[in-house]
Amino acid sequence: MTDMTIHDMLTDAIRYWELRRIAYNIILVSIVVVVFVLQLPDSRSALSADLAQSLFILAVLANVAYCAAYVVDVVAQYSAFRATWKRYRWSLFAIGVVFAGIIARFIAAGMFSHAA
């Protein structure tokens, strides 16, 4: 193991993950917008203040879930596998985005379908 401190590992994790949080949010918003557009004109009737509040809460929860990457990242950096982890941590990002995207699609599809 190198002589990196916890401070160094946390700084590295923040630098890596926060830059990617932007892409994560753009991807999730894009999925919701595509689902909305694909379900037009029915999705338009689902628009309301309650829907906006629900989407806000879900966006916050998606970002809280994103923070789970920090736990994995810092633990992996603290291990003897730090160098290998740093080469492949993009895979955690990719798996997380796919997982969150699938959840976002299912939730958006349910929110925008309006059986009147």
PDB file of N, CA and C in Angstrom:
ATOM      1  N   MET A   1       0.849  -1.176   0.000  1.00  0.00           N
ATOM      2  CA  MET A   1       0.000   0.000   0.000  1.00  0.00           C
ATOM      3  C   MET A   1       0.894   1.239   0.000  1.00  0.00           C
ATOM      4  N   THR A   2       0.393   2.294  -0.639  1.00  0.00           N
ATOM      5  CA  THR A   2       1.152   3.541  -0.679  1.00  0.00           C
ATOM      6  C   THR A   2       0.954   4.303   0.619  1.00  0.00           C
ATOM      7  N   ASP A   3       1.675   5.403   0.742  1.00  0.00           N
ATOM      8  CA  ASP A   3       1.526   6.201   1.948  1.00  0.00           C
ATOM      9  C   ASP A   3       0.492   7.311   1.755  1.00  0.00           C
ATOM     10  N   MET A   4      -0.578   7.001   1.031  1.00  0.00           N
ATOM     11  CA  MET A   4      -1.680   7.961   0.878  1.00  0.00           C
ATOM     12  C   MET A   4      -2.477   7.997   2.174  1.00  0.00           C
ATOM     13  N   THR A   5      -2.905   9.174   2.525  1.00  0.00           N
ATOM     14  CA  THR A   5      -3.726   9.332   3.724  1.00  0.00           C
ATOM     15  C   THR A   5      -5.208   9.217   3.346  1.00  0.00           C
ATOM     16  N   ILE A   6      -6.035   9.073   4.354  1.00  0.00           N
ATOM     17  CA  ILE A   6      -7.485   9.076   4.139  1.00  0.00           C
ATOM     18  C   ILE A   6      -7.891  10.384   3.445  1.00  0.00           C
ATOM     19  N   HIS A   7      -7.283  11.466   3.863  1.00  0.00           N
ATOM     20  CA  HIS A   7      -7.548  12.771   3.247  1.00  0.00           C
ATOM     21  C   HIS A   7      -7.286  12.707   1.740  1.00  0.00           C
ATOM     22  N   ASP A   8      -6.163  12.134   1.352  1.00  0.00           N
ATOM     23  CA  ASP A   8      -5.822  12.013  -0.068  1.00  0.00           C
ATOM     24  C   ASP A   8      -6.829  11.130  -0.806  1.00  0.00           C
ATOM     25  N   MET A   9      -7.230  10.043  -0.168  1.00  0.00           N
ATOM     26  CA  MET A   9      -8.184   9.134  -0.805  1.00  0.00           C
ATOM     27  C   MET A   9      -9.552   9.777  -0.961  1.00  0.00           C
ATOM     28  N   LEU A  10      -9.998  10.499   0.058  1.00  0.00           N
ATOM     29  CA  LEU A  10     -11.276  11.201  -0.027  1.00  0.00           C
ATOM     30  C   LEU A  10     -11.238  12.288  -1.092  1.00  0.00           C
ATOM     31  N   THR A  11     -10.133  13.015  -1.149  1.00  0.00           N
ATOM     32  CA  THR A  11      -9.981  14.058  -2.170  1.00  0.00           C
ATOM     33  C   THR A  11     -10.018  13.447  -3.562  1.00  0.00           C
ATOM     34  N   ASP A  12      -9.345  12.327  -3.738  1.00  0.00           N
ATOM     35  CA  ASP A  12      -9.348  11.639  -5.027  1.00  0.00           C
ATOM     36  C   ASP A  12     -10.753  11.155  -5.378  1.00  0.00           C
ATOM     37  N   ALA A  13     -11.446  10.596  -4.410  1.00  0.00           N
ATOM     38  CA  ALA A  13     -12.809  10.109  -4.651  1.00  0.00           C
ATOM     39  C   ALA A  13     -13.740  11.259  -5.035  1.00  0.00           C
ATOM     40  N   ILE A  14     -13.655  12.361  -4.317  1.00  0.00           N
ATOM     41  CA  ILE A  14     -14.504  13.517  -4.636  1.00  0.00           C
ATOM     42  C   ILE A  14     -14.195  14.027  -6.038  1.00  0.00           C
ATOM     43  N   ARG A  15     -12.931  14.143  -6.344  1.00  0.00           N
ATOM     44  CA  ARG A  15     -12.532  14.621  -7.671  1.00  0.00           C
ATOM     45  C   ARG A  15     -13.081  13.704  -8.768  1.00  0.00           C
ATOM     46  N   TYR A  16     -13.010  12.416  -8.558  1.00  0.00           N
ATOM     47  CA  TYR A  16     -13.470  11.454  -9.564  1.00  0.00           C
ATOM     48  C   TYR A  16     -14.998  11.438  -9.675  1.00  0.00           C
ATOM     49  N   TRP A  17     -15.691  11.268  -8.543  1.00  0.00           N
ATOM     50  CA  TRP A  17     -17.133  11.028  -8.575  1.00  0.00           C
ATOM     51  C   TRP A  17     -17.965  12.276  -8.824  1.00  0.00           C
ATOM     52  N   GLU A  18     -17.549  13.404  -8.314  1.00  0.00           N
ATOM     53  CA  GLU A  18     -18.376  14.598  -8.498  1.00  0.00           C
ATOM     54  C   GLU A  18     -18.390  15.070  -9.947  1.00  0.00           C
ATOM     55  N   LEU A  19     -17.314  14.889 -10.655  1.00  0.00           N
ATOM     56  CA  LEU A  19     -17.296  15.226 -12.076  1.00  0.00           C
ATOM     57  C   LEU A  19     -18.288  14.338 -12.837  1.00  0.00           C
ATOM     58  N   ARG A  20     -18.382  13.083 -12.466  1.00  0.00           N
ATOM     59  CA  ARG A  20     -19.272  12.142 -13.134  1.00  0.00           C
ATOM     60  C   ARG A  20     -20.725  12.278 -12.687  1.00  0.00           C
ATOM     61  N   ARG A  21     -20.956  12.905 -11.548  1.00  0.00           N
ATOM     62  CA  ARG A  21     -22.332  13.125 -11.081  1.00  0.00           C
ATOM     63  C   ARG A  21     -23.107  13.944 -12.105  1.00  0.00           C
ATOM     64  N   ILE A  22     -22.437  14.867 -12.761  1.00  0.00           N
ATOM     65  CA  ILE A  22     -23.095  15.689 -13.776  1.00  0.00           C
ATOM     66  C   ILE A  22     -23.629  14.796 -14.900  1.00  0.00           C
ATOM     67  N   ALA A  23     -22.784  13.906 -15.404  1.00  0.00           N
ATOM     68  CA  ALA A  23     -23.211  12.982 -16.462  1.00  0.00           C
ATOM     69  C   ALA A  23     -24.342  12.079 -15.970  1.00  0.00           C
ATOM     70  N   TYR A  24     -24.228  11.586 -14.748  1.00  0.00           N
ATOM     71  CA  TYR A  24     -25.251  10.726 -14.143  1.00  0.00           C
ATOM     72  C   TYR A  24     -26.610  11.418 -14.158  1.00  0.00           C
ATOM     73  N   ASN A  25     -26.642  12.657 -13.716  1.00  0.00           N
ATOM     74  CA  ASN A  25     -27.904  13.401 -13.676  1.00  0.00           C
ATOM     75  C   ASN A  25     -28.431  13.702 -15.071  1.00  0.00           C
ATOM     76  N   ILE A  26     -27.551  14.044 -15.992  1.00  0.00           N
ATOM     77  CA  ILE A  26     -27.982  14.315 -17.368  1.00  0.00           C
ATOM     78  C   ILE A  26     -28.582  13.063 -17.988  1.00  0.00           C
ATOM     79  N   ILE A  27     -27.970  11.924 -17.753  1.00  0.00           N
ATOM     80  CA  ILE A  27     -28.487  10.662 -18.298  1.00  0.00           C
ATOM     81  C   ILE A  27     -29.864  10.353 -17.716  1.00  0.00           C
ATOM     82  N   LEU A  28     -30.014  10.499 -16.401  1.00  0.00           N
ATOM     83  CA  LEU A  28     -31.314  10.203 -15.775  1.00  0.00           C
ATOM     84  C   LEU A  28     -32.396  11.169 -16.240  1.00  0.00           C
ATOM     85  N   VAL A  29     -32.068  12.453 -16.336  1.00  0.00           N
ATOM     86  CA  VAL A  29     -33.041  13.434 -16.833  1.00  0.00           C
ATOM     87  C   VAL A  29     -33.419  13.102 -18.274  1.00  0.00           C
ATOM     88  N   SER A  30     -32.454  12.724 -19.075  1.00  0.00           N
ATOM     89  CA  SER A  30     -32.716  12.367 -20.477  1.00  0.00           C
ATOM     90  C   SER A  30     -33.672  11.185 -20.573  1.00  0.00           C
ATOM     91  N   ILE A  31     -33.488  10.208 -19.724  1.00  0.00           N
ATOM     92  CA  ILE A  31     -34.374   9.038 -19.724  1.00  0.00           C
ATOM     93  C   ILE A  31     -35.799   9.459 -19.392  1.00  0.00           C
ATOM     94  N   VAL A  32     -35.962  10.298 -18.380  1.00  0.00           N
ATOM     95  CA  VAL A  32     -37.298  10.758 -17.991  1.00  0.00           C
ATOM     96  C   VAL A  32     -37.936  11.560 -19.123  1.00  0.00           C
ATOM     97  N   VAL A  33     -37.174  12.431 -19.760  1.00  0.00           N
ATOM     98  CA  VAL A  33     -37.701  13.242 -20.866  1.00  0.00           C
ATOM     99  C   VAL A  33     -38.106  12.347 -22.039  1.00  0.00           C
ATOM    100  N   VAL A  34     -37.277  11.364 -22.370  1.00  0.00           N
ATOM    101  CA  VAL A  34     -37.606  10.456 -23.482  1.00  0.00           C
ATOM    102  C   VAL A  34     -38.884   9.682 -23.172  1.00  0.00           C
ATOM    103  N   VAL A  35     -39.018   9.188 -21.949  1.00  0.00           N
ATOM    104  CA  VAL A  35     -40.241   8.463 -21.577  1.00  0.00           C
ATOM    105  C   VAL A  35     -41.443   9.390 -21.687  1.00  0.00           C
ATOM    106  N   PHE A  36     -41.300  10.622 -21.218  1.00  0.00           N
ATOM    107  CA  PHE A  36     -42.388  11.603 -21.303  1.00  0.00           C
ATOM    108  C   PHE A  36     -42.795  11.817 -22.759  1.00  0.00           C
ATOM    109  N   VAL A  37     -41.818  12.054 -23.633  1.00  0.00           N
ATOM    110  CA  VAL A  37     -42.095  12.318 -25.050  1.00  0.00           C
ATOM    111  C   VAL A  37     -42.721  11.098 -25.728  1.00  0.00           C
ATOM    112  N   LEU A  38     -42.203   9.919 -25.422  1.00  0.00           N
ATOM    113  CA  LEU A  38     -42.748   8.709 -26.041  1.00  0.00           C
ATOM    114  C   LEU A  38     -44.191   8.436 -25.625  1.00  0.00           C
ATOM    115  N   GLN A  39     -44.591   8.936 -24.460  1.00  0.00           N
ATOM    116  CA  GLN A  39     -45.946   8.693 -23.982  1.00  0.00           C
ATOM    117  C   GLN A  39     -46.895   9.857 -24.263  1.00  0.00           C
ATOM    118  N   LEU A  40     -46.435  10.843 -25.046  1.00  0.00           N
ATOM    119  CA  LEU A  40     -47.327  11.939 -25.429  1.00  0.00           C
ATOM    120  C   LEU A  40     -48.460  11.385 -26.279  1.00  0.00           C
ATOM    121  N   PRO A  41     -49.633  11.907 -26.246  1.00  0.00           N
ATOM    122  CA  PRO A  41     -50.103  13.055 -25.482  1.00  0.00           C
ATOM    123  C   PRO A  41     -50.570  12.697 -24.073  1.00  0.00           C
ATOM    124  N   ASP A  42     -50.627  11.391 -23.753  1.00  0.00           N
ATOM    125  CA  ASP A  42     -51.121  10.972 -22.435  1.00  0.00           C
ATOM    126  C   ASP A  42     -50.274  11.531 -21.295  1.00  0.00           C
ATOM    127  N   SER A  43     -48.973  11.623 -21.496  1.00  0.00           N
ATOM    128  CA  SER A  43     -48.097  12.086 -20.418  1.00  0.00           C
ATOM    129  C   SER A  43     -48.377  13.535 -20.035  1.00  0.00           C
ATOM    130  N   ARG A  44     -48.837  14.324 -20.978  1.00  0.00           N
ATOM    131  CA  ARG A  44     -49.120  15.737 -20.690  1.00  0.00           C
ATOM    132  C   ARG A  44     -50.201  15.873 -19.612  1.00  0.00           C
ATOM    133  N   SER A  45     -51.168  14.965 -19.607  1.00  0.00           N
ATOM    134  CA  SER A  45     -52.245  15.043 -18.621  1.00  0.00           C
ATOM    135  C   SER A  45     -51.764  14.683 -17.210  1.00  0.00           C
ATOM    136  N   ALA A  46     -50.589  14.083 -17.108  1.00  0.00           N
ATOM    137  CA  ALA A  46     -50.044  13.727 -15.793  1.00  0.00           C
ATOM    138  C   ALA A  46     -49.317  14.899 -15.135  1.00  0.00           C
ATOM    139  N   LEU A  47     -49.050  15.975 -15.890  1.00  0.00           N
ATOM    140  CA  LEU A  47     -48.301  17.116 -15.337  1.00  0.00           C
ATOM    141  C   LEU A  47     -49.095  17.796 -14.232  1.00  0.00           C
ATOM    142  N   SER A  48     -48.415  17.999 -13.105  1.00  0.00           N
ATOM    143  CA  SER A  48     -49.033  18.669 -11.954  1.00  0.00           C
ATOM    144  C   SER A  48     -47.944  19.087 -10.979  1.00  0.00           C
ATOM    145  N   ALA A  49     -48.338  19.863  -9.989  1.00  0.00           N
ATOM    146  CA  ALA A  49     -47.386  20.252  -8.941  1.00  0.00           C
ATOM    147  C   ALA A  49     -46.940  19.020  -8.148  1.00  0.00           C
ATOM    148  N   ASP A  50     -47.861  18.085  -7.933  1.00  0.00           N
ATOM    149  CA  ASP A  50     -47.508  16.854  -7.217  1.00  0.00           C
ATOM    150  C   ASP A  50     -46.468  16.048  -7.990  1.00  0.00           C
ATOM    151  N   LEU A  51     -46.621  15.993  -9.300  1.00  0.00           N
ATOM    152  CA  LEU A  51     -45.651  15.276 -10.120  1.00  0.00           C
ATOM    153  C   LEU A  51     -44.283  15.949 -10.032  1.00  0.00           C
ATOM    154  N   ALA A  52     -44.256  17.271 -10.096  1.00  0.00           N
ATOM    155  CA  ALA A  52     -42.992  18.011 -10.003  1.00  0.00           C
ATOM    156  C   ALA A  52     -42.318  17.744  -8.657  1.00  0.00           C
ATOM    157  N   GLN A  53     -43.091  17.735  -7.582  1.00  0.00           N
ATOM    158  CA  GLN A  53     -42.525  17.458  -6.257  1.00  0.00           C
ATOM    159  C   GLN A  53     -42.015  16.025  -6.172  1.00  0.00           C
ATOM    160  N   SER A  54     -42.755  15.106  -6.751  1.00  0.00           N
ATOM    161  CA  SER A  54     -42.320  13.705  -6.753  1.00  0.00           C
ATOM    162  C   SER A  54     -41.021  13.543  -7.529  1.00  0.00           C
ATOM    163  N   LEU A  55     -40.924  14.199  -8.684  1.00  0.00           N
ATOM    164  CA  LEU A  55     -39.694  14.124  -9.475  1.00  0.00           C
ATOM    165  C   LEU A  55     -38.517  14.728  -8.718  1.00  0.00           C
ATOM    166  N   PHE A  56     -38.763  15.812  -7.988  1.00  0.00           N
ATOM    167  CA  PHE A  56     -37.700  16.435  -7.189  1.00  0.00           C
ATOM    168  C   PHE A  56     -37.214  15.471  -6.106  1.00  0.00           C
ATOM    169  N   ILE A  57     -38.144  14.854  -5.397  1.00  0.00           N
ATOM    170  CA  ILE A  57     -37.776  13.903  -4.336  1.00  0.00           C
ATOM    171  C   ILE A  57     -36.990  12.731  -4.934  1.00  0.00           C
ATOM    172  N   LEU A  58     -37.437  12.220  -6.068  1.00  0.00           N
ATOM    173  CA  LEU A  58     -36.736  11.106  -6.708  1.00  0.00           C
ATOM    174  C   LEU A  58     -35.341  11.517  -7.177  1.00  0.00           C
ATOM    175  N   ALA A  59     -35.193  12.753  -7.649  1.00  0.00           N
ATOM    176  CA  ALA A  59     -33.874  13.238  -8.070  1.00  0.00           C
ATOM    177  C   ALA A  59     -32.923  13.315  -6.870  1.00  0.00           C
ATOM    178  N   VAL A  60     -33.433  13.794  -5.747  1.00  0.00           N
ATOM    179  CA  VAL A  60     -32.606  13.857  -4.534  1.00  0.00           C
ATOM    180  C   VAL A  60     -32.216  12.443  -4.094  1.00  0.00           C
ATOM    181  N   LEU A  61     -33.173  11.523  -4.102  1.00  0.00           N
ATOM    182  CA  LEU A  61     -32.876  10.141  -3.700  1.00  0.00           C
ATOM    183  C   LEU A  61     -31.884   9.484  -4.659  1.00  0.00           C
ATOM    184  N   ALA A  62     -31.982   9.784  -5.949  1.00  0.00           N
ATOM    185  CA  ALA A  62     -31.020   9.236  -6.911  1.00  0.00           C
ATOM    186  C   ALA A  62     -29.617   9.739  -6.600  1.00  0.00           C
ATOM    187  N   ASN A  63     -29.507  10.984  -6.165  1.00  0.00           N
ATOM    188  CA  ASN A  63     -28.194  11.536  -5.837  1.00  0.00           C
ATOM    189  C   ASN A  63     -27.679  11.029  -4.496  1.00  0.00           C
ATOM    190  N   VAL A  64     -28.560  10.735  -3.582  1.00  0.00           N
ATOM    191  CA  VAL A  64     -28.141  10.101  -2.327  1.00  0.00           C
ATOM    192  C   VAL A  64     -27.615   8.699  -2.629  1.00  0.00           C
ATOM    193  N   ALA A  65     -28.322   7.969  -3.484  1.00  0.00           N
ATOM    194  CA  ALA A  65     -27.863   6.632  -3.872  1.00  0.00           C
ATOM    195  C   ALA A  65     -26.508   6.700  -4.573  1.00  0.00           C
ATOM    196  N   TYR A  66     -26.289   7.736  -5.357  1.00  0.00           N
ATOM    197  CA  TYR A  66     -25.015   7.911  -6.060  1.00  0.00           C
ATOM    198  C   TYR A  66     -23.852   7.965  -5.060  1.00  0.00           C
ATOM    199  N   CYS A  67     -24.108   8.504  -3.886  1.00  0.00           N
ATOM    200  CA  CYS A  67     -23.062   8.636  -2.864  1.00  0.00           C
ATOM    201  C   CYS A  67     -22.557   7.283  -2.360  1.00  0.00           C
ATOM    202  N   ALA A  68     -23.288   6.220  -2.615  1.00  0.00           N
ATOM    203  CA  ALA A  68     -22.816   4.886  -2.216  1.00  0.00           C
ATOM    204  C   ALA A  68     -21.488   4.560  -2.890  1.00  0.00           C
ATOM    205  N   ALA A  69     -21.237   5.169  -4.034  1.00  0.00           N
ATOM    206  CA  ALA A  69     -19.970   4.932  -4.737  1.00  0.00           C
ATOM    207  C   ALA A  69     -18.776   5.361  -3.883  1.00  0.00           C
ATOM    208  N   TYR A  70     -18.953   6.374  -3.055  1.00  0.00           N
ATOM    209  CA  TYR A  70     -17.855   6.836  -2.202  1.00  0.00           C
ATOM    210  C   TYR A  70     -17.390   5.757  -1.241  1.00  0.00           C
ATOM    211  N   VAL A  71     -18.334   5.032  -0.668  1.00  0.00           N
ATOM    212  CA  VAL A  71     -17.986   3.987   0.292  1.00  0.00           C
ATOM    213  C   VAL A  71     -17.130   2.928  -0.401  1.00  0.00           C
ATOM    214  N   VAL A  72     -17.600   2.456  -1.541  1.00  0.00           N
ATOM    215  CA  VAL A  72     -16.862   1.440  -2.291  1.00  0.00           C
ATOM    216  C   VAL A  72     -15.498   1.975  -2.710  1.00  0.00           C
ATOM    217  N   ASP A  73     -15.473   3.202  -3.220  1.00  0.00           N
ATOM    218  CA  ASP A  73     -14.236   3.786  -3.731  1.00  0.00           C
ATOM    219  C   ASP A  73     -13.170   3.934  -2.641  1.00  0.00           C
ATOM    220  N   VAL A  74     -13.546   4.512  -1.524  1.00  0.00           N
ATOM    221  CA  VAL A  74     -12.559   4.755  -0.471  1.00  0.00           C
ATOM    222  C   VAL A  74     -12.058   3.437   0.128  1.00  0.00           C
ATOM    223  N   VAL A  75     -12.955   2.481   0.318  1.00  0.00           N
ATOM    224  CA  VAL A  75     -12.529   1.175   0.833  1.00  0.00           C
ATOM    225  C   VAL A  75     -11.569   0.514  -0.150  1.00  0.00           C
ATOM    226  N   ALA A  76     -11.900   0.550  -1.433  1.00  0.00           N
ATOM    227  CA  ALA A  76     -11.024  -0.062  -2.438  1.00  0.00           C
ATOM    228  C   ALA A  76      -9.682   0.664  -2.517  1.00  0.00           C
ATOM    229  N   GLN A  77      -9.697   1.986  -2.384  1.00  0.00           N
ATOM    230  CA  GLN A  77      -8.434   2.730  -2.406  1.00  0.00           C
ATOM    231  C   GLN A  77      -7.572   2.416  -1.193  1.00  0.00           C
ATOM    232  N   TYR A  78      -8.195   2.111  -0.090  1.00  0.00           N
ATOM    233  CA  TYR A  78      -7.464   1.813   1.140  1.00  0.00           C
ATOM    234  C   TYR A  78      -6.856   0.412   1.116  1.00  0.00           C
ATOM    235  N   SER A  79      -7.305  -0.397   0.167  1.00  0.00           N
ATOM    236  CA  SER A  79      -6.825  -1.781   0.091  1.00  0.00           C
ATOM    237  C   SER A  79      -5.534  -1.878  -0.724  1.00  0.00           C
ATOM    238  N   ALA A  80      -5.019  -3.086  -0.773  1.00  0.00           N
ATOM    239  CA  ALA A  80      -3.822  -3.356  -1.573  1.00  0.00           C
ATOM    240  C   ALA A  80      -4.125  -3.342  -3.070  1.00  0.00           C
ATOM    241  N   PHE A  81      -5.405  -3.252  -3.427  1.00  0.00           N
ATOM    242  CA  PHE A  81      -5.819  -3.268  -4.824  1.00  0.00           C
ATOM    243  C   PHE A  81      -6.061  -1.865  -5.381  1.00  0.00           C
ATOM    244  N   ARG A  82      -5.514  -0.857  -4.731  1.00  0.00           N
ATOM    245  CA  ARG A  82      -5.760   0.535  -5.107  1.00  0.00           C
ATOM    246  C   ARG A  82      -5.466   0.809  -6.575  1.00  0.00           C
ATOM    247  N   ALA A  83      -4.310   0.410  -7.065  1.00  0.00           N
ATOM    248  CA  ALA A  83      -3.925   0.703  -8.450  1.00  0.00           C
ATOM    249  C   ALA A  83      -4.883   0.034  -9.441  1.00  0.00           C
ATOM    250  N   THR A  84      -5.243  -1.208  -9.179  1.00  0.00           N
ATOM    251  CA  THR A  84      -6.180  -1.915 -10.047  1.00  0.00           C
ATOM    252  C   THR A  84      -7.550  -1.250  -9.985  1.00  0.00           C
ATOM    253  N   TRP A  85      -7.996  -0.914  -8.789  1.00  0.00           N
ATOM    254  CA  TRP A  85      -9.291  -0.271  -8.613  1.00  0.00           C
ATOM    255  C   TRP A  85      -9.365   1.035  -9.401  1.00  0.00           C
ATOM    256  N   LYS A  86      -8.331   1.843  -9.338  1.00  0.00           N
ATOM    257  CA  LYS A  86      -8.362   3.133 -10.024  1.00  0.00           C
ATOM    258  C   LYS A  86      -8.460   2.961 -11.538  1.00  0.00           C
ATOM    259  N   ARG A  87      -7.959   1.859 -12.060  1.00  0.00           N
ATOM    260  CA  ARG A  87      -8.072   1.604 -13.505  1.00  0.00           C
ATOM    261  C   ARG A  87      -9.475   1.149 -13.890  1.00  0.00           C
ATOM    262  N   TYR A  88     -10.180   0.498 -12.968  1.00  0.00           N
ATOM    263  CA  TYR A  88     -11.463  -0.110 -13.309  1.00  0.00           C
ATOM    264  C   TYR A  88     -12.661   0.486 -12.572  1.00  0.00           C
ATOM    265  N   ARG A  89     -12.493   1.558 -11.834  1.00  0.00           N
ATOM    266  CA  ARG A  89     -13.641   2.092 -11.097  1.00  0.00           C
ATOM    267  C   ARG A  89     -14.695   2.686 -12.010  1.00  0.00           C
ATOM    268  N   TRP A  90     -14.325   2.965 -13.254  1.00  0.00           N
ATOM    269  CA  TRP A  90     -15.319   3.413 -14.224  1.00  0.00           C
ATOM    270  C   TRP A  90     -16.439   2.380 -14.358  1.00  0.00           C
ATOM    271  N   SER A  91     -16.115   1.090 -14.115  1.00  0.00           N
ATOM    272  CA  SER A  91     -17.133   0.049 -14.247  1.00  0.00           C
ATOM    273  C   SER A  91     -18.216   0.197 -13.175  1.00  0.00           C
ATOM    274  N   LEU A  92     -17.850   0.657 -11.978  1.00  0.00           N
ATOM    275  CA  LEU A  92     -18.857   0.924 -10.943  1.00  0.00           C
ATOM    276  C   LEU A  92     -19.775   2.040 -11.408  1.00  0.00           C
ATOM    277  N   PHE A  93     -19.205   3.056 -12.023  1.00  0.00           N
ATOM    278  CA  PHE A  93     -20.016   4.148 -12.566  1.00  0.00           C
ATOM    279  C   PHE A  93     -20.976   3.615 -13.629  1.00  0.00           C
ATOM    280  N   ALA A  94     -20.463   2.827 -14.559  1.00  0.00           N
ATOM    281  CA  ALA A  94     -21.290   2.302 -15.647  1.00  0.00           C
ATOM    282  C   ALA A  94     -22.426   1.424 -15.119  1.00  0.00           C
ATOM    283  N   ILE A  95     -22.114   0.535 -14.191  1.00  0.00           N
ATOM    284  CA  ILE A  95     -23.144  -0.344 -13.618  1.00  0.00           C
ATOM    285  C   ILE A  95     -24.174   0.493 -12.861  1.00  0.00           C
ATOM    286  N   GLY A  96     -23.718   1.475 -12.106  1.00  0.00           N
ATOM    287  CA  GLY A  96     -24.633   2.336 -11.366  1.00  0.00           C
ATOM    288  C   GLY A  96     -25.550   3.139 -12.264  1.00  0.00           C
ATOM    289  N   VAL A  97     -25.017   3.650 -13.360  1.00  0.00           N
ATOM    290  CA  VAL A  97     -25.837   4.422 -14.303  1.00  0.00           C
ATOM    291  C   VAL A  97     -26.877   3.522 -14.964  1.00  0.00           C
ATOM    292  N   VAL A  98     -26.477   2.328 -15.362  1.00  0.00           N
ATOM    293  CA  VAL A  98     -27.435   1.407 -15.979  1.00  0.00           C
ATOM    294  C   VAL A  98     -28.528   1.042 -14.979  1.00  0.00           C
ATOM    295  N   PHE A  99     -28.148   0.729 -13.761  1.00  0.00           N
ATOM    296  CA  PHE A  99     -29.115   0.370 -12.724  1.00  0.00           C
ATOM    297  C   PHE A  99     -30.076   1.527 -12.454  1.00  0.00           C
ATOM    298  N   ALA A 100     -29.530   2.726 -12.240  1.00  0.00           N
ATOM    299  CA  ALA A 100     -30.365   3.901 -11.975  1.00  0.00           C
ATOM    300  C   ALA A 100     -31.233   4.236 -13.182  1.00  0.00           C
ATOM    301  N   GLY A 101     -30.698   4.047 -14.376  1.00  0.00           N
ATOM    302  CA  GLY A 101     -31.467   4.328 -15.583  1.00  0.00           C
ATOM    303  C   GLY A 101     -32.664   3.411 -15.736  1.00  0.00           C
ATOM    304  N   ILE A 102     -32.476   2.146 -15.408  1.00  0.00           N
ATOM    305  CA  ILE A 102     -33.588   1.191 -15.479  1.00  0.00           C
ATOM    306  C   ILE A 102     -34.662   1.577 -14.468  1.00  0.00           C
ATOM    307  N   ILE A 103     -34.250   1.902 -13.261  1.00  0.00           N
ATOM    308  CA  ILE A 103     -35.209   2.328 -12.242  1.00  0.00           C
ATOM    309  C   ILE A 103     -35.926   3.597 -12.689  1.00  0.00           C
ATOM    310  N   ALA A 104     -35.186   4.562 -13.221  1.00  0.00           N
ATOM    311  CA  ALA A 104     -35.779   5.827 -13.677  1.00  0.00           C
ATOM    312  C   ALA A 104     -36.806   5.567 -14.779  1.00  0.00           C
ATOM    313  N   ARG A 105     -36.484   4.666 -15.709  1.00  0.00           N
ATOM    314  CA  ARG A 105     -37.422   4.376 -16.790  1.00  0.00           C
ATOM    315  C   ARG A 105     -38.715   3.769 -16.278  1.00  0.00           C
ATOM    316  N   PHE A 106     -38.605   2.812 -15.353  1.00  0.00           N
ATOM    317  CA  PHE A 106     -39.810   2.192 -14.803  1.00  0.00           C
ATOM    318  C   PHE A 106     -40.659   3.198 -14.032  1.00  0.00           C
ATOM    319  N   ILE A 107     -40.022   4.010 -13.213  1.00  0.00           N
ATOM    320  CA  ILE A 107     -40.772   4.982 -12.422  1.00  0.00           C
ATOM    321  C   ILE A 107     -41.410   6.037 -13.326  1.00  0.00           C
ATOM    322  N   ALA A 108     -40.646   6.546 -14.285  1.00  0.00           N
ATOM    323  CA  ALA A 108     -41.191   7.557 -15.196  1.00  0.00           C
ATOM    324  C   ALA A 108     -42.353   6.985 -16.008  1.00  0.00           C
ATOM    325  N   ALA A 109     -42.215   5.766 -16.473  1.00  0.00           N
ATOM    326  CA  ALA A 109     -43.297   5.141 -17.248  1.00  0.00           C
ATOM    327  C   ALA A 109     -44.569   5.062 -16.411  1.00  0.00           C
ATOM    328  N   GLY A 110     -44.420   4.740 -15.140  1.00  0.00           N
ATOM    329  CA  GLY A 110     -45.589   4.678 -14.251  1.00  0.00           C
ATOM    330  C   GLY A 110     -46.157   6.048 -13.938  1.00  0.00           C
ATOM    331  N   MET A 111     -45.297   7.039 -13.806  1.00  0.00           N
ATOM    332  CA  MET A 111     -45.768   8.385 -13.465  1.00  0.00           C
ATOM    333  C   MET A 111     -46.478   9.058 -14.642  1.00  0.00           C
ATOM    334  N   PHE A 112     -46.014   8.770 -15.842  1.00  0.00           N
ATOM    335  CA  PHE A 112     -46.560   9.456 -17.010  1.00  0.00           C
ATOM    336  C   PHE A 112     -47.716   8.705 -17.675  1.00  0.00           C
ATOM    337  N   SER A 113     -47.936   7.467 -17.267  1.00  0.00           N
ATOM    338  CA  SER A 113     -49.098   6.771 -17.814  1.00  0.00           C
ATOM    339  C   SER A 113     -50.300   7.234 -17.010  1.00  0.00           C
ATOM    340  N   HIS A 114     -51.292   7.659 -17.712  1.00  0.00           N
ATOM    341  CA  HIS A 114     -52.443   8.235 -17.029  1.00  0.00           C
ATOM    342  C   HIS A 114     -53.695   7.536 -17.539  1.00  0.00           C
ATOM    343  N   ALA A 115     -54.153   6.600 -16.758  1.00  0.00           N
ATOM    344  CA  ALA A 115     -55.383   5.894 -17.128  1.00  0.00           C
ATOM    345  C   ALA A 115     -56.575   6.655 -16.577  1.00  0.00           C
ATOM    346  N   ALA A 116     -57.206   7.405 -17.432  1.00  0.00           N
ATOM    347  CA  ALA A 116     -58.334   8.236 -16.974  1.00  0.00           C
ATOM    348  C   ALA A 116     -59.644   7.482 -17.100  1.00  0.00           C
TER     349      ALA A 116
END
